[in-house]
């Protein structure tokens, strides 16, 4: 008797999940398929194209942080003033109270801030060293 109940349950489940198949088809009895790209009309507008460049860019195209200086310590110091020279020869007078002693030739990355108003660190563009990282 259990076998008949199981078969009846399966049949009821199949009917419930399949629903009425006749309602899913259009009136003509055929099933339509979605349009393929070749069935769609082409646009009358030409595709966009890029013009050739007029020459190399006049300024760097990669964004560079304006508050970052990388260079070598130009004159050794135990702080708070450091002379840092970049590879292109620009000299910075960096004021930082937490870096400690930096030897001549140490490569540093300095996150800069506005120049100090009450301290003169000597030659170079005055900046506050918000952070000084030794990188080499």
C-alpha atoms as a PDB file:
ATOM      1  CA  UNK A   1       0.000   0.000   0.000  1.00  0.00           C
ATOM      2  CA  UNK A   2       2.952   2.319   0.670  1.00  0.00           C
ATOM      3  CA  UNK A   3       4.139   1.956  -2.974  1.00  0.00           C
ATOM      4  CA  UNK A   4       0.824   3.249  -4.356  1.00  0.00           C
ATOM      5  CA  UNK A   5       0.925   6.303  -2.055  1.00  0.00           C
ATOM      6  CA  UNK A   6       4.498   7.088  -3.125  1.00  0.00           C
ATOM      7  CA  UNK A   7       3.604   6.843  -6.822  1.00  0.00           C
ATOM      8  CA  UNK A   8       0.554   9.072  -6.293  1.00  0.00           C
ATOM      9  CA  UNK A   9       2.687  11.648  -4.481  1.00  0.00           C
ATOM     10  CA  UNK A  10       5.212  11.705  -7.350  1.00  0.00           C
ATOM     11  CA  UNK A  11       2.451  12.127  -9.948  1.00  0.00           C
ATOM     12  CA  UNK A  12       0.850  14.986  -7.972  1.00  0.00           C
ATOM     13  CA  UNK A  13       4.252  16.687  -7.609  1.00  0.00           C
ATOM     14  CA  UNK A  14       4.938  16.375 -11.347  1.00  0.00           C
ATOM     15  CA  UNK A  15       1.585  17.905 -12.233  1.00  0.00           C
ATOM     16  CA  UNK A  16       2.098  20.746  -9.756  1.00  0.00           C
ATOM     17  CA  UNK A  17       5.581  21.602 -11.078  1.00  0.00           C
ATOM     18  CA  UNK A  18       4.841  21.292 -14.800  1.00  0.00           C
ATOM     19  CA  UNK A  19       1.644  23.331 -14.742  1.00  0.00           C
ATOM     20  CA  UNK A  20      -0.361  23.741 -17.899  1.00  0.00           C
ATOM     21  CA  UNK A  21       1.978  23.500 -20.867  1.00  0.00           C
ATOM     22  CA  UNK A  22      -0.605  24.752 -23.375  1.00  0.00           C
ATOM     23  CA  UNK A  23      -0.677  28.259 -21.881  1.00  0.00           C
ATOM     24  CA  UNK A  24       3.078  28.804 -22.432  1.00  0.00           C
ATOM     25  CA  UNK A  25       2.822  28.575 -26.249  1.00  0.00           C
ATOM     26  CA  UNK A  26       1.529  31.439 -28.425  1.00  0.00           C
ATOM     27  CA  UNK A  27      -1.759  31.040 -30.277  1.00  0.00           C
ATOM     28  CA  UNK A  28      -0.087  29.739 -33.443  1.00  0.00           C
ATOM     29  CA  UNK A  29       1.277  26.791 -31.502  1.00  0.00           C
ATOM     30  CA  UNK A  30       4.951  27.549 -32.265  1.00  0.00           C
ATOM     31  CA  UNK A  31       7.520  28.787 -29.851  1.00  0.00           C
ATOM     32  CA  UNK A  32       9.390  31.939 -30.899  1.00  0.00           C
ATOM     33  CA  UNK A  33      13.139  32.307 -30.360  1.00  0.00           C
ATOM     34  CA  UNK A  34      14.848  35.540 -29.434  1.00  0.00           C
ATOM     35  CA  UNK A  35      16.387  37.566 -32.237  1.00  0.00           C
ATOM     36  CA  UNK A  36      20.023  36.887 -32.995  1.00  0.00           C
ATOM     37  CA  UNK A  37      22.477  39.712 -33.680  1.00  0.00           C
ATOM     38  CA  UNK A  38      22.307  39.013 -37.431  1.00  0.00           C
ATOM     39  CA  UNK A  39      18.486  39.478 -37.334  1.00  0.00           C
ATOM     40  CA  UNK A  40      18.739  42.978 -35.849  1.00  0.00           C
ATOM     41  CA  UNK A  41      19.190  45.976 -38.153  1.00  0.00           C
ATOM     42  CA  UNK A  42      22.583  47.695 -38.089  1.00  0.00           C
ATOM     43  CA  UNK A  43      22.850  51.257 -36.788  1.00  0.00           C
ATOM     44  CA  UNK A  44      22.988  53.948 -39.440  1.00  0.00           C
ATOM     45  CA  UNK A  45      25.597  55.831 -37.364  1.00  0.00           C
ATOM     46  CA  UNK A  46      29.259  54.931 -37.934  1.00  0.00           C
ATOM     47  CA  UNK A  47      31.093  53.528 -34.914  1.00  0.00           C
ATOM     48  CA  UNK A  48      33.136  56.032 -32.906  1.00  0.00           C
ATOM     49  CA  UNK A  49      36.818  56.236 -33.729  1.00  0.00           C
ATOM     50  CA  UNK A  50      39.754  57.902 -31.996  1.00  0.00           C
ATOM     51  CA  UNK A  51      41.770  60.537 -33.795  1.00  0.00           C
ATOM     52  CA  UNK A  52      45.520  59.916 -33.941  1.00  0.00           C
ATOM     53  CA  UNK A  53      47.479  61.801 -31.271  1.00  0.00           C
ATOM     54  CA  UNK A  54      48.972  65.147 -32.300  1.00  0.00           C
ATOM     55  CA  UNK A  55      52.200  64.322 -30.481  1.00  0.00           C
ATOM     56  CA  UNK A  56      53.518  63.218 -27.106  1.00  0.00           C
ATOM     57  CA  UNK A  57      51.886  64.738 -24.007  1.00  0.00           C
ATOM     58  CA  UNK A  58      53.380  68.014 -22.796  1.00  0.00           C
ATOM     59  CA  UNK A  59      53.046  67.072 -19.125  1.00  0.00           C
ATOM     60  CA  UNK A  60      53.004  63.736 -17.273  1.00  0.00           C
ATOM     61  CA  UNK A  61      49.794  61.797 -17.801  1.00  0.00           C
ATOM     62  CA  UNK A  62      50.117  59.695 -14.650  1.00  0.00           C
ATOM     63  CA  UNK A  63      48.887  61.413 -11.499  1.00  0.00           C
ATOM     64  CA  UNK A  64      51.629  61.968  -8.945  1.00  0.00           C
ATOM     65  CA  UNK A  65      51.002  62.944  -5.354  1.00  0.00           C
ATOM     66  CA  UNK A  66      51.979  66.567  -4.815  1.00  0.00           C
ATOM     67  CA  UNK A  67      52.795  66.039  -1.149  1.00  0.00           C
ATOM     68  CA  UNK A  68      55.468  63.383  -1.648  1.00  0.00           C
ATOM     69  CA  UNK A  69      59.220  63.937  -2.038  1.00  0.00           C
ATOM     70  CA  UNK A  70      61.788  61.173  -2.508  1.00  0.00           C
ATOM     71  CA  UNK A  71      65.459  62.003  -2.227  1.00  0.00           C
ATOM     72  CA  UNK A  72      68.702  61.552  -0.342  1.00  0.00           C
ATOM     73  CA  UNK A  73      69.682  63.206   2.903  1.00  0.00           C
ATOM     74  CA  UNK A  74      72.137  65.890   1.796  1.00  0.00           C
ATOM     75  CA  UNK A  75      73.590  66.741   5.192  1.00  0.00           C
ATOM     76  CA  UNK A  76      73.450  64.450   8.214  1.00  0.00           C
ATOM     77  CA  UNK A  77      71.412  65.529  11.174  1.00  0.00           C
ATOM     78  CA  UNK A  78      69.749  64.268  14.313  1.00  0.00           C
ATOM     79  CA  UNK A  79      66.819  66.596  13.612  1.00  0.00           C
ATOM     80  CA  UNK A  80      64.587  68.417  13.586  1.00  0.00           C
ATOM     81  CA  UNK A  81      65.972  69.927  10.331  1.00  0.00           C
ATOM     82  CA  UNK A  82      67.078  67.810   7.360  1.00  0.00           C
ATOM     83  CA  UNK A  83      68.375  68.751   3.902  1.00  0.00           C
ATOM     84  CA  UNK A  84      66.917  66.392   1.277  1.00  0.00           C
ATOM     85  CA  UNK A  85      67.928  66.498  -2.394  1.00  0.00           C
ATOM     86  CA  UNK A  86      65.842  64.821  -5.127  1.00  0.00           C
ATOM     87  CA  UNK A  87      67.271  63.059  -8.191  1.00  0.00           C
ATOM     88  CA  UNK A  88      66.596  66.151 -10.302  1.00  0.00           C
ATOM     89  CA  UNK A  89      68.690  68.302  -7.938  1.00  0.00           C
ATOM     90  CA  UNK A  90      65.927  70.106  -6.053  1.00  0.00           C
ATOM     91  CA  UNK A  91      66.798  70.782  -2.425  1.00  0.00           C
ATOM     92  CA  UNK A  92      64.231  70.684   0.394  1.00  0.00           C
ATOM     93  CA  UNK A  93      64.660  71.994   3.930  1.00  0.00           C
ATOM     94  CA  UNK A  94      62.546  69.479   5.861  1.00  0.00           C
ATOM     95  CA  UNK A  95      61.393  70.051   9.438  1.00  0.00           C
ATOM     96  CA  UNK A  96      60.370  66.934  11.376  1.00  0.00           C
ATOM     97  CA  UNK A  97      60.599  66.326  15.127  1.00  0.00           C
ATOM     98  CA  UNK A  98      60.215  62.526  15.135  1.00  0.00           C
ATOM     99  CA  UNK A  99      62.594  61.089  12.494  1.00  0.00           C
ATOM    100  CA  UNK A 100      65.703  60.959  14.676  1.00  0.00           C
ATOM    101  CA  UNK A 101      69.196  60.743  13.224  1.00  0.00           C
ATOM    102  CA  UNK A 102      69.499  60.396   9.445  1.00  0.00           C
ATOM    103  CA  UNK A 103      72.920  59.816   7.884  1.00  0.00           C
ATOM    104  CA  UNK A 104      74.131  61.515   4.700  1.00  0.00           C
ATOM    105  CA  UNK A 105      73.096  59.515   1.619  1.00  0.00           C
ATOM    106  CA  UNK A 106      70.083  57.833   3.244  1.00  0.00           C
ATOM    107  CA  UNK A 107      67.214  57.690   0.745  1.00  0.00           C
ATOM    108  CA  UNK A 108      63.968  58.896   2.284  1.00  0.00           C
ATOM    109  CA  UNK A 109      60.356  59.357   1.249  1.00  0.00           C
ATOM    110  CA  UNK A 110      58.882  62.475   2.834  1.00  0.00           C
ATOM    111  CA  UNK A 111      55.168  63.225   3.048  1.00  0.00           C
ATOM    112  CA  UNK A 112      55.211  66.998   3.084  1.00  0.00           C
ATOM    113  CA  UNK A 113      53.038  69.663   4.596  1.00  0.00           C
ATOM    114  CA  UNK A 114      53.056  73.457   4.664  1.00  0.00           C
ATOM    115  CA  UNK A 115      56.363  75.085   5.612  1.00  0.00           C
ATOM    116  CA  UNK A 116      56.922  75.760   9.305  1.00  0.00           C
ATOM    117  CA  UNK A 117      56.377  79.401  10.251  1.00  0.00           C
ATOM    118  CA  UNK A 118      58.589  79.496  13.332  1.00  0.00           C
ATOM    119  CA  UNK A 119      61.620  77.441  12.205  1.00  0.00           C
ATOM    120  CA  UNK A 120      64.266  78.084   9.519  1.00  0.00           C
ATOM    121  CA  UNK A 121      65.854  74.829   8.387  1.00  0.00           C
ATOM    122  CA  UNK A 122      68.329  76.459   6.000  1.00  0.00           C
ATOM    123  CA  UNK A 123      68.722  76.256   2.238  1.00  0.00           C
ATOM    124  CA  UNK A 124      66.086  74.636   0.058  1.00  0.00           C
ATOM    125  CA  UNK A 125      62.332  74.786  -0.235  1.00  0.00           C
ATOM    126  CA  UNK A 126      60.975  74.775   3.319  1.00  0.00           C
ATOM    127  CA  UNK A 127      58.457  72.009   4.080  1.00  0.00           C
ATOM    128  CA  UNK A 128      57.145  70.238   7.133  1.00  0.00           C
ATOM    129  CA  UNK A 129      57.886  66.508   7.037  1.00  0.00           C
ATOM    130  CA  UNK A 130      54.586  65.004   8.192  1.00  0.00           C
ATOM    131  CA  UNK A 131      56.188  61.588   7.805  1.00  0.00           C
ATOM    132  CA  UNK A 132      59.690  60.450   6.863  1.00  0.00           C
ATOM    133  CA  UNK A 133      60.226  56.861   5.723  1.00  0.00           C
ATOM    134  CA  UNK A 134      63.689  55.424   5.073  1.00  0.00           C
ATOM    135  CA  UNK A 135      63.574  53.610   1.727  1.00  0.00           C
ATOM    136  CA  UNK A 136      67.234  52.904   1.086  1.00  0.00           C
END
